[in-house]
Amino acid sequence: GAEYDFIAHDLHPQFLSTRYAKEIAESKGLE
């Protein structure tokens, strides 16, 4: 039942996991 406040990701800007984190954040308006 998680409603996120923050998404943490690796420092590497090109990792697919980093891009995934930013996708979630952008879709939900998160930091």
Full PDB file with SEQRES, HELIX, SHEET, SSBOND, CRYST1, ORIGX, SCALE, CONECT and MASTER records, all heavy atoms in Angstrom:
SEQRES   1 A   31  GLY ALA GLU TYR ASP PHE ILE ALA HIS ASP LEU HIS PRO          
SEQRES   2 A   31  GLN PHE LEU SER THR ARG TYR ALA LYS GLU ILE ALA GLU          
SEQRES   3 A   31  SER LYS GLY LEU GLU                                          
HELIX    1 AA1 LEU A   16  LYS A   28  1                                  13    
CRYST1    1.000    1.000    1.000  90.00  90.00  90.00 P 1           1          
ORIGX1      1.000000  0.000000  0.000000        0.00000                         
ORIGX2      0.000000  1.000000  0.000000        0.00000                         
ORIGX3      0.000000  0.000000  1.000000        0.00000                         
SCALE1      1.000000  0.000000  0.000000        0.00000                         
SCALE2      0.000000  1.000000  0.000000        0.00000                         
SCALE3      0.000000  0.000000  1.000000        0.00000                         
ATOM      1  N   GLY A   1       0.826  -1.204   0.000  1.00  0.00           N  
ATOM      2  CA  GLY A   1       0.000   0.000   0.000  1.00  0.00           C  
ATOM      3  C   GLY A   1       0.860   1.253   0.000  1.00  0.00           C  
ATOM      4  O   GLY A   1       0.599   2.209   0.729  1.00  0.00           O  
ATOM      5  N   ALA A   2       1.907   1.249  -0.833  1.00  0.00           N  
ATOM      6  CA  ALA A   2       2.884   2.341  -0.833  1.00  0.00           C  
ATOM      7  C   ALA A   2       2.457   3.482  -1.744  1.00  0.00           C  
ATOM      8  O   ALA A   2       2.189   3.268  -2.927  1.00  0.00           O  
ATOM      9  CB  ALA A   2       4.253   1.811  -1.268  1.00  0.00           C  
ATOM     10  N   GLU A   3       2.427   4.675  -1.205  1.00  0.00           N  
ATOM     11  CA  GLU A   3       2.245   5.915  -1.970  1.00  0.00           C  
ATOM     12  C   GLU A   3       3.510   6.727  -1.750  1.00  0.00           C  
ATOM     13  O   GLU A   3       3.707   7.337  -0.701  1.00  0.00           O  
ATOM     14  CB  GLU A   3       1.010   6.679  -1.486  1.00  0.00           C  
ATOM     15  CG  GLU A   3      -0.310   5.949  -1.704  1.00  0.00           C  
ATOM     16  CD  GLU A   3      -0.682   5.876  -3.186  1.00  0.00           C  
ATOM     17  OE1 GLU A   3      -0.175   6.725  -3.958  1.00  0.00           O  
ATOM     18  OE2 GLU A   3      -1.461   4.981  -3.563  1.00  0.00           O  
ATOM     19  N   TYR A   4       4.386   6.774  -2.747  1.00  0.00           N  
ATOM     20  CA  TYR A   4       5.744   7.271  -2.561  1.00  0.00           C  
ATOM     21  C   TYR A   4       5.824   8.793  -2.399  1.00  0.00           C  
ATOM     22  O   TYR A   4       5.062   9.549  -2.997  1.00  0.00           O  
ATOM     23  CB  TYR A   4       6.625   6.850  -3.737  1.00  0.00           C  
ATOM     24  CG  TYR A   4       6.640   5.366  -3.970  1.00  0.00           C  
ATOM     25  CD1 TYR A   4       6.120   4.818  -5.137  1.00  0.00           C  
ATOM     26  CD2 TYR A   4       7.146   4.498  -3.003  1.00  0.00           C  
ATOM     27  CE1 TYR A   4       6.113   3.451  -5.343  1.00  0.00           C  
ATOM     28  CE2 TYR A   4       7.144   3.132  -3.202  1.00  0.00           C  
ATOM     29  CZ  TYR A   4       6.620   2.611  -4.376  1.00  0.00           C  
ATOM     30  OH  TYR A   4       6.614   1.256  -4.566  1.00  0.00           O  
ATOM     31  N   ASP A   5       6.813   9.197  -1.585  1.00  0.00           N  
ATOM     32  CA  ASP A   5       7.167  10.609  -1.448  1.00  0.00           C  
ATOM     33  C   ASP A   5       8.457  10.929  -2.203  1.00  0.00           C  
ATOM     34  O   ASP A   5       8.614  12.028  -2.724  1.00  0.00           O  
ATOM     35  CB  ASP A   5       7.341  10.966   0.035  1.00  0.00           C  
ATOM     36  CG  ASP A   5       6.045  10.828   0.808  1.00  0.00           C  
ATOM     37  OD1 ASP A   5       5.091  11.539   0.473  1.00  0.00           O  
ATOM     38  OD2 ASP A   5       5.996   9.995   1.738  1.00  0.00           O  
ATOM     39  N   PHE A   6       9.381   9.953  -2.236  1.00  0.00           N  
ATOM     40  CA  PHE A   6      10.656  10.139  -2.924  1.00  0.00           C  
ATOM     41  C   PHE A   6      11.017   8.861  -3.669  1.00  0.00           C  
ATOM     42  O   PHE A   6      10.641   7.762  -3.255  1.00  0.00           O  
ATOM     43  CB  PHE A   6      11.794  10.450  -1.947  1.00  0.00           C  
ATOM     44  CG  PHE A   6      11.549  11.623  -1.056  1.00  0.00           C  
ATOM     45  CD1 PHE A   6      11.311  11.449   0.296  1.00  0.00           C  
ATOM     46  CD2 PHE A   6      11.558  12.914  -1.564  1.00  0.00           C  
ATOM     47  CE1 PHE A   6      11.076  12.527   1.121  1.00  0.00           C  
ATOM     48  CE2 PHE A   6      11.327  14.001  -0.750  1.00  0.00           C  
ATOM     49  CZ  PHE A   6      11.086  13.811   0.596  1.00  0.00           C  
ATOM     50  N   ILE A   7      11.781   9.019  -4.747  1.00  0.00           N  
ATOM     51  CA  ILE A   7      12.337   7.879  -5.471  1.00  0.00           C  
ATOM     52  C   ILE A   7      13.850   8.018  -5.444  1.00  0.00           C  
ATOM     53  O   ILE A   7      14.405   9.030  -5.907  1.00  0.00           O  
ATOM     54  CB  ILE A   7      11.861   7.827  -6.946  1.00  0.00           C  
ATOM     55  CG1 ILE A   7      10.350   8.043  -7.052  1.00  0.00           C  
ATOM     56  CG2 ILE A   7      12.282   6.502  -7.572  1.00  0.00           C  
ATOM     57  CD1 ILE A   7       9.509   6.959  -6.440  1.00  0.00           C  
ATOM     58  N   ALA A   8      14.541   7.025  -4.901  1.00  0.00           N  
ATOM     59  CA  ALA A   8      16.003   7.038  -4.833  1.00  0.00           C  
ATOM     60  C   ALA A   8      16.579   6.164  -5.945  1.00  0.00           C  
ATOM     61  O   ALA A   8      16.049   5.088  -6.240  1.00  0.00           O  
ATOM     62  CB  ALA A   8      16.478   6.538  -3.472  1.00  0.00           C  
ATOM     63  N   HIS A   9      17.676   6.638  -6.539  1.00  0.00           N  
ATOM     64  CA  HIS A   9      18.265   5.907  -7.656  1.00  0.00           C  
ATOM     65  C   HIS A   9      19.771   6.110  -7.665  1.00  0.00           C  
ATOM     66  O   HIS A   9      20.318   6.916  -6.900  1.00  0.00           O  
ATOM     67  CB  HIS A   9      17.665   6.378  -8.986  1.00  0.00           C  
ATOM     68  CG  HIS A   9      17.871   7.842  -9.254  1.00  0.00           C  
ATOM     69  ND1 HIS A   9      19.041   8.368  -9.781  1.00  0.00           N  
ATOM     70  CD2 HIS A   9      17.055   8.912  -9.051  1.00  0.00           C  
ATOM     71  CE1 HIS A   9      18.938   9.665  -9.904  1.00  0.00           C  
ATOM     72  NE2 HIS A   9      17.743  10.039  -9.462  1.00  0.00           N  
ATOM     73  N   ASP A  10      20.456   5.384  -8.551  1.00  0.00           N  
ATOM     74  CA  ASP A  10      21.905   5.487  -8.659  1.00  0.00           C  
ATOM     75  C   ASP A  10      22.300   6.837  -9.244  1.00  0.00           C  
ATOM     76  O   ASP A  10      21.535   7.471  -9.982  1.00  0.00           O  
ATOM     77  CB  ASP A  10      22.443   4.359  -9.545  1.00  0.00           C  
ATOM     78  CG  ASP A  10      23.947   4.194  -9.422  1.00  0.00           C  
ATOM     79  OD1 ASP A  10      24.384   3.428  -8.550  1.00  0.00           O  
ATOM     80  OD2 ASP A  10      24.678   4.844 -10.193  1.00  0.00           O  
ATOM     81  N   LEU A  11      23.516   7.254  -8.925  1.00  0.00           N  
ATOM     82  CA  LEU A  11      24.037   8.525  -9.416  1.00  0.00           C  
ATOM     83  C   LEU A  11      24.243   8.518 -10.931  1.00  0.00           C  
ATOM     84  O   LEU A  11      24.210   9.571 -11.572  1.00  0.00           O  
ATOM     85  CB  LEU A  11      25.364   8.827  -8.707  1.00  0.00           C  
ATOM     86  CG  LEU A  11      26.047  10.160  -8.983  1.00  0.00           C  
ATOM     87  CD1 LEU A  11      25.169  11.325  -8.525  1.00  0.00           C  
ATOM     88  CD2 LEU A  11      27.404  10.215  -8.265  1.00  0.00           C  
ATOM     89  N   HIS A  12      24.462   7.331 -11.525  1.00  0.00           N  
ATOM     90  CA  HIS A  12      24.745   7.255 -12.959  1.00  0.00           C  
ATOM     91  C   HIS A  12      23.527   7.712 -13.762  1.00  0.00           C  
ATOM     92  O   HIS A  12      22.444   7.126 -13.654  1.00  0.00           O  
ATOM     93  CB  HIS A  12      25.114   5.829 -13.359  1.00  0.00           C  
ATOM     94  CG  HIS A  12      25.848   5.742 -14.664  1.00  0.00           C  
ATOM     95  ND1 HIS A  12      25.329   6.200 -15.845  1.00  0.00           N  
ATOM     96  CD2 HIS A  12      27.081   5.250 -14.965  1.00  0.00           C  
ATOM     97  CE1 HIS A  12      26.176   5.992 -16.827  1.00  0.00           C  
ATOM     98  NE2 HIS A  12      27.259   5.417 -16.315  1.00  0.00           N  
ATOM     99  N   PRO A  13      23.684   8.741 -14.590  1.00  0.00           N  
ATOM    100  CA  PRO A  13      22.517   9.291 -15.285  1.00  0.00           C  
ATOM    101  C   PRO A  13      21.977   8.409 -16.405  1.00  0.00           C  
ATOM    102  O   PRO A  13      20.818   8.566 -16.806  1.00  0.00           O  
ATOM    103  CB  PRO A  13      23.048  10.619 -15.855  1.00  0.00           C  
ATOM    104  CG  PRO A  13      24.522  10.409 -16.004  1.00  0.00           C  
ATOM    105  CD  PRO A  13      24.920   9.503 -14.880  1.00  0.00           C  
ATOM    106  N   GLN A  14      22.803   7.473 -16.907  1.00  0.00           N  
ATOM    107  CA  GLN A  14      22.389   6.673 -18.054  1.00  0.00           C  
ATOM    108  C   GLN A  14      21.851   5.290 -17.693  1.00  0.00           C  
ATOM    109  O   GLN A  14      21.416   4.555 -18.576  1.00  0.00           O  
ATOM    110  CB  GLN A  14      23.570   6.509 -19.026  1.00  0.00           C  
ATOM    111  CG  GLN A  14      24.080   7.823 -19.595  1.00  0.00           C  
ATOM    112  CD  GLN A  14      22.984   8.607 -20.305  1.00  0.00           C  
ATOM    113  OE1 GLN A  14      22.172   8.056 -21.039  1.00  0.00           O  
ATOM    114  NE2 GLN A  14      22.962   9.912 -20.064  1.00  0.00           N  
ATOM    115  N   PHE A  15      21.897   4.917 -16.427  1.00  0.00           N  
ATOM    116  CA  PHE A  15      21.351   3.617 -16.043  1.00  0.00           C  
ATOM    117  C   PHE A  15      19.857   3.560 -16.376  1.00  0.00           C  
ATOM    118  O   PHE A  15      19.131   4.548 -16.180  1.00  0.00           O  
ATOM    119  CB  PHE A  15      21.527   3.372 -14.546  1.00  0.00           C  
ATOM    120  CG  PHE A  15      22.882   2.853 -14.147  1.00  0.00           C  
ATOM    121  CD1 PHE A  15      23.887   2.648 -15.075  1.00  0.00           C  
ATOM    122  CD2 PHE A  15      23.154   2.549 -12.815  1.00  0.00           C  
ATOM    123  CE1 PHE A  15      25.129   2.170 -14.704  1.00  0.00           C  
ATOM    124  CE2 PHE A  15      24.389   2.070 -12.426  1.00  0.00           C  
ATOM    125  CZ  PHE A  15      25.375   1.884 -13.371  1.00  0.00           C  
ATOM    126  N   LEU A  16      19.409   2.406 -16.851  1.00  0.00           N  
ATOM    127  CA  LEU A  16      17.976   2.252 -17.119  1.00  0.00           C  
ATOM    128  C   LEU A  16      17.168   2.338 -15.833  1.00  0.00           C  
ATOM    129  O   LEU A  16      16.026   2.801 -15.843  1.00  0.00           O  
ATOM    130  CB  LEU A  16      17.720   0.916 -17.828  1.00  0.00           C  
ATOM    131  CG  LEU A  16      18.268   0.788 -19.255  1.00  0.00           C  
ATOM    132  CD1 LEU A  16      17.865  -0.552 -19.857  1.00  0.00           C  
ATOM    133  CD2 LEU A  16      17.790   1.927 -20.140  1.00  0.00           C  
ATOM    134  N   SER A  17      17.778   1.915 -14.722  1.00  0.00           N  
ATOM    135  CA  SER A  17      17.069   2.031 -13.443  1.00  0.00           C  
ATOM    136  C   SER A  17      16.903   3.498 -13.054  1.00  0.00           C  
ATOM    137  O   SER A  17      15.885   3.888 -12.463  1.00  0.00           O  
ATOM    138  CB  SER A  17      17.826   1.271 -12.343  1.00  0.00           C  
ATOM    139  OG  SER A  17      19.153   1.744 -12.217  1.00  0.00           O  
ATOM    140  N   THR A  18      17.896   4.338 -13.391  1.00  0.00           N  
ATOM    141  CA  THR A  18      17.785   5.776 -13.132  1.00  0.00           C  
ATOM    142  C   THR A  18      16.664   6.376 -13.971  1.00  0.00           C  
ATOM    143  O   THR A  18      15.855   7.174 -13.482  1.00  0.00           O  
ATOM    144  CB  THR A  18      19.116   6.484 -13.456  1.00  0.00           C  
ATOM    145  OG1 THR A  18      20.143   5.952 -12.623  1.00  0.00           O  
ATOM    146  CG2 THR A  18      19.018   7.983 -13.232  1.00  0.00           C  
ATOM    147  N   ARG A  19      16.612   6.003 -15.234  1.00  0.00           N  
ATOM    148  CA  ARG A  19      15.546   6.498 -16.112  1.00  0.00           C  
ATOM    149  C   ARG A  19      14.174   6.043 -15.610  1.00  0.00           C  
ATOM    150  O   ARG A  19      13.205   6.810 -15.650  1.00  0.00           O  
ATOM    151  CB  ARG A  19      15.782   6.002 -17.541  1.00  0.00           C  
ATOM    152  CG  ARG A  19      17.067   6.531 -18.170  1.00  0.00           C  
ATOM    153  CD  ARG A  19      17.220   6.025 -19.590  1.00  0.00           C  
ATOM    154  NE  ARG A  19      18.539   6.334 -20.135  1.00  0.00           N  
ATOM    155  CZ  ARG A  19      18.930   5.998 -21.363  1.00  0.00           C  
ATOM    156  NH1 ARG A  19      18.101   5.332 -22.160  1.00  0.00           N  
ATOM    157  NH2 ARG A  19      20.140   6.310 -21.785  1.00  0.00           N  
ATOM    158  N   TYR A  20      14.120   4.798 -15.153  1.00  0.00           N  
ATOM    159  CA  TYR A  20      12.859   4.277 -14.608  1.00  0.00           C  
ATOM    160  C   TYR A  20      12.424   5.089 -13.393  1.00  0.00           C  
ATOM    161  O   TYR A  20      11.246   5.454 -13.262  1.00  0.00           O  
ATOM    162  CB  TYR A  20      13.039   2.800 -14.251  1.00  0.00           C  
ATOM    163  CG  TYR A  20      11.925   2.191 -13.443  1.00  0.00           C  
ATOM    164  CD1 TYR A  20      10.595   2.312 -13.838  1.00  0.00           C  
ATOM    165  CD2 TYR A  20      12.201   1.472 -12.275  1.00  0.00           C  
ATOM    166  CE1 TYR A  20       9.566   1.739 -13.095  1.00  0.00           C  
ATOM    167  CE2 TYR A  20      11.176   0.902 -11.532  1.00  0.00           C  
ATOM    168  CZ  TYR A  20       9.874   1.046 -11.943  1.00  0.00           C  
ATOM    169  OH  TYR A  20       8.856   0.490 -11.206  1.00  0.00           O  
ATOM    170  N   ALA A  21      13.373   5.401 -12.503  1.00  0.00           N  
ATOM    171  CA  ALA A  21      13.060   6.205 -11.316  1.00  0.00           C  
ATOM    172  C   ALA A  21      12.499   7.564 -11.717  1.00  0.00           C  
ATOM    173  O   ALA A  21      11.521   8.058 -11.128  1.00  0.00           O  
ATOM    174  CB  ALA A  21      14.311   6.378 -10.457  1.00  0.00           C  
ATOM    175  N   LYS A  22      13.103   8.165 -12.725  1.00  0.00           N  
ATOM    176  CA  LYS A  22      12.649   9.490 -13.154  1.00  0.00           C  
ATOM    177  C   LYS A  22      11.281   9.424 -13.835  1.00  0.00           C  
ATOM    178  O   LYS A  22      10.474  10.353 -13.733  1.00  0.00           O  
ATOM    179  CB  LYS A  22      13.697  10.122 -14.062  1.00  0.00           C  
ATOM    180  CG  LYS A  22      14.974  10.477 -13.284  1.00  0.00           C  
ATOM    181  CD  LYS A  22      16.008  11.196 -14.123  1.00  0.00           C  
ATOM    182  CE  LYS A  22      17.193  11.609 -13.257  1.00  0.00           C  
ATOM    183  NZ  LYS A  22      18.244  12.312 -14.012  1.00  0.00           N  
ATOM    184  N   GLU A  23      11.015   8.320 -14.524  1.00  0.00           N  
ATOM    185  CA  GLU A  23       9.686   8.133 -15.130  1.00  0.00           C  
ATOM    186  C   GLU A  23       8.606   8.109 -14.055  1.00  0.00           C  
ATOM    187  O   GLU A  23       7.562   8.758 -14.183  1.00  0.00           O  
ATOM    188  CB  GLU A  23       9.648   6.816 -15.912  1.00  0.00           C  
ATOM    189  CG  GLU A  23      10.360   6.845 -17.245  1.00  0.00           C  
ATOM    190  CD  GLU A  23      10.363   5.472 -17.888  1.00  0.00           C  
ATOM    191  OE1 GLU A  23       9.528   4.616 -17.495  1.00  0.00           O  
ATOM    192  OE2 GLU A  23      11.185   5.229 -18.783  1.00  0.00           O  
ATOM    193  N   ILE A  24       8.853   7.330 -12.993  1.00  0.00           N  
ATOM    194  CA  ILE A  24       7.881   7.250 -11.899  1.00  0.00           C  
ATOM    195  C   ILE A  24       7.694   8.630 -11.276  1.00  0.00           C  
ATOM    196  O   ILE A  24       6.566   9.074 -11.044  1.00  0.00           O  
ATOM    197  CB  ILE A  24       8.346   6.255 -10.813  1.00  0.00           C  
ATOM    198  CG1 ILE A  24       8.509   4.854 -11.380  1.00  0.00           C  
ATOM    199  CG2 ILE A  24       7.350   6.237  -9.653  1.00  0.00           C  
ATOM    200  CD1 ILE A  24       9.093   3.870 -10.387  1.00  0.00           C  
ATOM    201  N   ALA A  25       8.824   9.293 -11.009  1.00  0.00           N  
ATOM    202  CA  ALA A  25       8.762  10.603 -10.358  1.00  0.00           C  
ATOM    203  C   ALA A  25       7.994  11.617 -11.201  1.00  0.00           C  
ATOM    204  O   ALA A  25       7.153  12.371 -10.692  1.00  0.00           O  
ATOM    205  CB  ALA A  25      10.177  11.108 -10.083  1.00  0.00           C  
ATOM    206  N   GLU A  26       8.269  11.642 -12.511  1.00  0.00           N  
ATOM    207  CA  GLU A  26       7.583  12.590 -13.393  1.00  0.00           C  
ATOM    208  C   GLU A  26       6.096  12.297 -13.484  1.00  0.00           C  
ATOM    209  O   GLU A  26       5.262  13.203 -13.502  1.00  0.00           O  
ATOM    210  CB  GLU A  26       8.226  12.553 -14.784  1.00  0.00           C  
ATOM    211  CG  GLU A  26       9.608  13.192 -14.825  1.00  0.00           C  
ATOM    212  CD  GLU A  26      10.314  12.975 -16.150  1.00  0.00           C  
ATOM    213  OE1 GLU A  26       9.650  12.474 -17.091  1.00  0.00           O  
ATOM    214  OE2 GLU A  26      11.519  13.294 -16.240  1.00  0.00           O  
ATOM    215  N   SER A  27       5.746  11.009 -13.523  1.00  0.00           N  
ATOM    216  CA  SER A  27       4.331  10.648 -13.647  1.00  0.00           C  
ATOM    217  C   SER A  27       3.537  10.978 -12.389  1.00  0.00           C  
ATOM    218  O   SER A  27       2.328  11.214 -12.452  1.00  0.00           O  
ATOM    219  CB  SER A  27       4.197   9.158 -13.967  1.00  0.00           C  
ATOM    220  OG  SER A  27       4.615   8.362 -12.861  1.00  0.00           O  
ATOM    221  N   LYS A  28       4.215  11.022 -11.230  1.00  0.00           N  
ATOM    222  CA  LYS A  28       3.525  11.267  -9.965  1.00  0.00           C  
ATOM    223  C   LYS A  28       3.881  12.615  -9.349  1.00  0.00           C  
ATOM    224  O   LYS A  28       3.418  12.936  -8.248  1.00  0.00           O  
ATOM    225  CB  LYS A  28       3.848  10.141  -8.972  1.00  0.00           C  
ATOM    226  CG  LYS A  28       3.389   8.765  -9.420  1.00  0.00           C  
ATOM    227  CD  LYS A  28       3.727   7.704  -8.388  1.00  0.00           C  
ATOM    228  CE  LYS A  28       3.279   6.321  -8.846  1.00  0.00           C  
ATOM    229  NZ  LYS A  28       1.814   6.219  -8.915  1.00  0.00           N  
ATOM    230  N   GLY A  29       4.732  13.390 -10.049  1.00  0.00           N  
ATOM    231  CA  GLY A  29       5.126  14.691  -9.526  1.00  0.00           C  
ATOM    232  C   GLY A  29       5.959  14.600  -8.268  1.00  0.00           C  
ATOM    233  O   GLY A  29       5.801  15.397  -7.337  1.00  0.00           O  
ATOM    234  N   LEU A  30       6.906  13.632  -8.236  1.00  0.00           N  
ATOM    235  CA  LEU A  30       7.714  13.392  -7.043  1.00  0.00           C  
ATOM    236  C   LEU A  30       9.150  13.857  -7.240  1.00  0.00           C  
ATOM    237  O   LEU A  30       9.607  14.078  -8.366  1.00  0.00           O  
ATOM    238  CB  LEU A  30       7.705  11.895  -6.696  1.00  0.00           C  
ATOM    239  CG  LEU A  30       6.346  11.249  -6.474  1.00  0.00           C  
ATOM    240  CD1 LEU A  30       6.509   9.760  -6.240  1.00  0.00           C  
ATOM    241  CD2 LEU A  30       5.616  11.900  -5.304  1.00  0.00           C  
ATOM    242  N   GLU A  31       9.862  13.964  -6.140  1.00  0.00           N  
ATOM    243  CA  GLU A  31      11.260  14.334  -6.159  1.00  0.00           C  
ATOM    244  C   GLU A  31      12.113  13.065  -6.202  1.00  0.00           C  
ATOM    245  O   GLU A  31      11.770  12.049  -5.587  1.00  0.00           O  
ATOM    246  CB  GLU A  31      11.596  15.146  -4.907  1.00  0.00           C  
ATOM    247  CG  GLU A  31      12.968  15.776  -4.918  1.00  0.00           C  
ATOM    248  CD  GLU A  31      13.188  16.700  -3.732  1.00  0.00           C  
ATOM    249  OE1 GLU A  31      12.210  17.023  -3.040  1.00  0.00           O  
ATOM    250  OE2 GLU A  31      14.347  17.094  -3.498  1.00  0.00           O  
TER     251      GLU A  31                                                      
MASTER        0    0    0    1    0    0    0    6  250    1    0    3          
END                                                                             
